N, C-alpha and C. Protein backbone atom coordinates (compact mmCIF):
# COMPACT_ATOMS: atom_id res chain seq x y z
N UNK A 1 -40.05 -54.65 -89.84
CA UNK A 1 -38.82 -54.06 -89.32
C UNK A 1 -39.15 -52.73 -88.64
N UNK A 2 -38.72 -52.60 -87.42
CA UNK A 2 -38.97 -51.37 -86.67
C UNK A 2 -37.87 -50.36 -86.97
N UNK A 3 -38.27 -49.12 -87.06
CA UNK A 3 -37.31 -48.02 -87.16
C UNK A 3 -37.81 -46.89 -86.27
N UNK A 4 -36.97 -45.91 -86.10
CA UNK A 4 -37.29 -44.81 -85.18
C UNK A 4 -38.60 -44.11 -85.58
N UNK A 5 -38.83 -43.87 -86.86
CA UNK A 5 -40.05 -43.18 -87.30
C UNK A 5 -41.30 -43.98 -86.95
N UNK A 6 -41.26 -45.30 -87.19
CA UNK A 6 -42.42 -46.14 -86.87
C UNK A 6 -42.66 -46.17 -85.37
N UNK A 7 -41.59 -46.25 -84.59
CA UNK A 7 -41.72 -46.24 -83.13
C UNK A 7 -42.31 -44.92 -82.66
N UNK A 8 -41.82 -43.81 -83.22
CA UNK A 8 -42.34 -42.48 -82.85
C UNK A 8 -43.84 -42.38 -83.15
N UNK A 9 -44.25 -42.85 -84.32
CA UNK A 9 -45.67 -42.81 -84.69
C UNK A 9 -46.51 -43.66 -83.73
N UNK A 10 -46.02 -44.86 -83.40
CA UNK A 10 -46.76 -45.75 -82.50
C UNK A 10 -46.91 -45.12 -81.12
N UNK A 11 -45.85 -44.52 -80.63
CA UNK A 11 -45.89 -43.89 -79.30
C UNK A 11 -46.83 -42.69 -79.32
N UNK A 12 -46.82 -41.90 -80.38
CA UNK A 12 -47.73 -40.75 -80.47
C UNK A 12 -49.19 -41.21 -80.49
N UNK A 13 -49.47 -42.33 -81.15
CA UNK A 13 -50.83 -42.86 -81.18
C UNK A 13 -51.28 -43.35 -79.81
N UNK A 14 -50.34 -43.79 -78.98
CA UNK A 14 -50.68 -44.34 -77.67
C UNK A 14 -50.62 -43.31 -76.56
N UNK A 15 -50.36 -42.08 -76.90
CA UNK A 15 -50.31 -40.99 -75.92
C UNK A 15 -51.64 -40.94 -75.17
N UNK A 16 -51.57 -40.90 -73.84
CA UNK A 16 -52.77 -40.85 -73.01
C UNK A 16 -53.27 -42.20 -72.55
N UNK A 17 -52.75 -43.30 -73.11
CA UNK A 17 -53.15 -44.64 -72.71
C UNK A 17 -52.36 -45.09 -71.48
N UNK A 18 -53.01 -45.82 -70.59
CA UNK A 18 -52.31 -46.43 -69.46
C UNK A 18 -51.69 -47.73 -69.94
N UNK A 19 -50.38 -47.86 -69.73
CA UNK A 19 -49.62 -49.01 -70.23
C UNK A 19 -48.74 -49.58 -69.13
N UNK A 20 -48.25 -50.78 -69.37
CA UNK A 20 -47.27 -51.42 -68.49
C UNK A 20 -45.90 -51.24 -69.15
N UNK A 21 -44.94 -50.71 -68.40
CA UNK A 21 -43.59 -50.43 -68.91
C UNK A 21 -42.58 -51.28 -68.16
N UNK A 22 -41.55 -51.70 -68.86
CA UNK A 22 -40.41 -52.38 -68.24
C UNK A 22 -39.14 -51.80 -68.87
N UNK A 23 -38.33 -51.15 -68.04
CA UNK A 23 -37.08 -50.55 -68.49
C UNK A 23 -35.92 -51.34 -67.93
N UNK A 24 -35.03 -51.78 -68.81
CA UNK A 24 -33.84 -52.51 -68.40
C UNK A 24 -32.65 -51.56 -68.51
N UNK A 25 -32.14 -51.14 -67.37
CA UNK A 25 -31.04 -50.20 -67.34
C UNK A 25 -29.70 -50.89 -67.19
N UNK A 26 -28.73 -50.09 -66.83
CA UNK A 26 -27.37 -50.62 -66.68
C UNK A 26 -27.24 -51.48 -65.43
N UNK A 27 -26.30 -52.36 -65.44
CA UNK A 27 -25.97 -53.24 -64.30
C UNK A 27 -27.16 -54.05 -63.79
N UNK A 28 -28.00 -54.50 -64.71
CA UNK A 28 -29.11 -55.35 -64.34
C UNK A 28 -30.30 -54.66 -63.69
N UNK A 29 -30.28 -53.34 -63.66
CA UNK A 29 -31.39 -52.58 -63.08
C UNK A 29 -32.65 -52.78 -63.92
N UNK A 30 -33.76 -53.09 -63.27
CA UNK A 30 -35.04 -53.24 -63.96
C UNK A 30 -36.07 -52.35 -63.26
N UNK A 31 -36.76 -51.54 -64.04
CA UNK A 31 -37.81 -50.66 -63.52
C UNK A 31 -39.11 -51.10 -64.19
N UNK A 32 -40.00 -51.70 -63.42
CA UNK A 32 -41.24 -52.26 -63.92
C UNK A 32 -42.38 -51.43 -63.33
N UNK A 33 -43.19 -50.79 -64.17
CA UNK A 33 -44.22 -49.89 -63.64
C UNK A 33 -45.35 -49.69 -64.63
N UNK A 34 -46.46 -49.14 -64.12
CA UNK A 34 -47.57 -48.73 -64.96
C UNK A 34 -47.54 -47.22 -65.06
N UNK A 35 -47.91 -46.72 -66.22
CA UNK A 35 -47.90 -45.28 -66.41
C UNK A 35 -48.60 -44.89 -67.69
N UNK A 36 -48.50 -43.61 -68.00
CA UNK A 36 -49.15 -43.07 -69.19
C UNK A 36 -48.16 -42.17 -69.93
N UNK A 37 -48.16 -42.29 -71.25
CA UNK A 37 -47.33 -41.41 -72.09
C UNK A 37 -48.00 -40.05 -72.09
N UNK A 38 -47.31 -39.03 -71.57
CA UNK A 38 -47.93 -37.72 -71.42
C UNK A 38 -47.55 -36.75 -72.53
N UNK A 39 -46.37 -36.89 -73.11
CA UNK A 39 -45.94 -35.95 -74.14
C UNK A 39 -44.89 -36.58 -75.02
N UNK A 40 -44.83 -36.13 -76.26
CA UNK A 40 -43.83 -36.63 -77.20
C UNK A 40 -43.10 -35.45 -77.83
N UNK A 41 -41.83 -35.65 -78.03
CA UNK A 41 -40.98 -34.65 -78.68
C UNK A 41 -40.19 -35.34 -79.78
N UNK A 42 -39.38 -34.61 -80.49
CA UNK A 42 -38.63 -35.18 -81.61
C UNK A 42 -37.72 -36.33 -81.18
N UNK A 43 -37.00 -36.17 -80.07
CA UNK A 43 -36.02 -37.17 -79.67
C UNK A 43 -36.39 -38.01 -78.47
N UNK A 44 -37.36 -37.53 -77.67
CA UNK A 44 -37.74 -38.23 -76.45
C UNK A 44 -39.25 -38.18 -76.24
N UNK A 45 -39.72 -39.00 -75.32
CA UNK A 45 -41.12 -38.93 -74.90
C UNK A 45 -41.16 -39.07 -73.38
N UNK A 46 -42.24 -38.55 -72.79
CA UNK A 46 -42.38 -38.52 -71.34
C UNK A 46 -43.44 -39.50 -70.88
N UNK A 47 -43.14 -40.18 -69.77
CA UNK A 47 -44.07 -41.15 -69.19
C UNK A 47 -44.28 -40.79 -67.72
N UNK A 48 -45.54 -40.66 -67.32
CA UNK A 48 -45.86 -40.43 -65.91
C UNK A 48 -46.02 -41.80 -65.26
N UNK A 49 -45.15 -42.11 -64.31
CA UNK A 49 -45.16 -43.38 -63.60
C UNK A 49 -46.11 -43.28 -62.41
N UNK A 50 -47.07 -44.21 -62.33
CA UNK A 50 -48.02 -44.20 -61.22
C UNK A 50 -47.38 -44.69 -59.93
N UNK A 51 -46.40 -45.59 -60.03
CA UNK A 51 -45.82 -46.21 -58.83
C UNK A 51 -45.06 -45.22 -57.96
N UNK A 52 -44.34 -44.28 -58.58
CA UNK A 52 -43.60 -43.31 -57.77
C UNK A 52 -43.99 -41.86 -58.08
N UNK A 53 -45.07 -41.69 -58.86
CA UNK A 53 -45.61 -40.36 -59.19
C UNK A 53 -44.55 -39.42 -59.75
N UNK A 54 -43.73 -39.96 -60.68
CA UNK A 54 -42.68 -39.16 -61.31
C UNK A 54 -42.87 -39.19 -62.82
N UNK A 55 -42.32 -38.18 -63.47
CA UNK A 55 -42.29 -38.15 -64.93
C UNK A 55 -40.90 -38.59 -65.36
N UNK A 56 -40.87 -39.59 -66.24
CA UNK A 56 -39.60 -40.15 -66.72
C UNK A 56 -39.51 -39.91 -68.22
N UNK A 57 -38.30 -39.66 -68.69
CA UNK A 57 -38.13 -39.45 -70.13
C UNK A 57 -37.33 -40.61 -70.72
N UNK A 58 -37.72 -40.99 -71.93
CA UNK A 58 -37.08 -42.08 -72.65
C UNK A 58 -36.89 -41.65 -74.10
N UNK A 59 -35.88 -42.19 -74.71
CA UNK A 59 -35.66 -41.92 -76.13
C UNK A 59 -36.32 -43.02 -76.95
N UNK A 60 -36.60 -42.71 -78.20
CA UNK A 60 -37.19 -43.70 -79.09
C UNK A 60 -36.20 -44.84 -79.34
N UNK A 61 -34.91 -44.55 -79.24
CA UNK A 61 -33.91 -45.61 -79.42
C UNK A 61 -33.94 -46.59 -78.25
N UNK A 62 -34.40 -46.16 -77.06
CA UNK A 62 -34.58 -47.10 -75.94
C UNK A 62 -35.56 -48.20 -76.34
N UNK A 63 -36.59 -47.84 -77.08
CA UNK A 63 -37.59 -48.80 -77.55
C UNK A 63 -36.99 -49.64 -78.68
N UNK A 64 -36.26 -49.00 -79.58
CA UNK A 64 -35.66 -49.71 -80.72
C UNK A 64 -34.73 -50.82 -80.27
N UNK A 65 -33.89 -50.54 -79.26
CA UNK A 65 -32.93 -51.56 -78.80
C UNK A 65 -33.50 -52.40 -77.66
N UNK A 66 -34.79 -52.21 -77.38
CA UNK A 66 -35.56 -53.00 -76.42
C UNK A 66 -35.07 -52.85 -74.98
N UNK A 67 -34.50 -51.70 -74.64
CA UNK A 67 -34.24 -51.39 -73.24
C UNK A 67 -35.53 -50.99 -72.55
N UNK A 68 -36.48 -50.44 -73.32
CA UNK A 68 -37.80 -50.10 -72.80
C UNK A 68 -38.83 -50.88 -73.61
N UNK A 69 -39.65 -51.64 -72.90
CA UNK A 69 -40.72 -52.42 -73.53
C UNK A 69 -42.02 -51.98 -72.88
N UNK A 70 -43.07 -51.82 -73.68
CA UNK A 70 -44.36 -51.46 -73.10
C UNK A 70 -45.46 -52.27 -73.78
N UNK A 71 -46.54 -52.47 -73.01
CA UNK A 71 -47.67 -53.25 -73.51
C UNK A 71 -48.94 -52.81 -72.80
N UNK A 72 -50.07 -53.23 -73.34
CA UNK A 72 -51.35 -52.94 -72.69
C UNK A 72 -51.38 -53.59 -71.31
N UNK A 73 -52.12 -52.99 -70.40
CA UNK A 73 -52.21 -53.48 -69.02
C UNK A 73 -52.71 -54.92 -68.96
N UNK A 74 -53.69 -55.25 -69.76
CA UNK A 74 -54.29 -56.59 -69.67
C UNK A 74 -53.57 -57.63 -70.52
N UNK A 75 -52.36 -57.30 -71.02
CA UNK A 75 -51.59 -58.29 -71.80
C UNK A 75 -50.82 -59.21 -70.91
């Protein structure tokens, strides 16, 4: 069973790794990109997106409710 604390720990361990991200936003919006987790805070974490060279912030609850999914590049 996933909870916010386990998600936070997993994301902190993967800080600096290049990953594949897929964010499902409102109204069917999908943002599919490769990037790296650059920083973690209590409520959010930052991802540098290589596709548009921007830093995006996500909450740990985005991962919990599966709006944001990430995996290794070669998966």
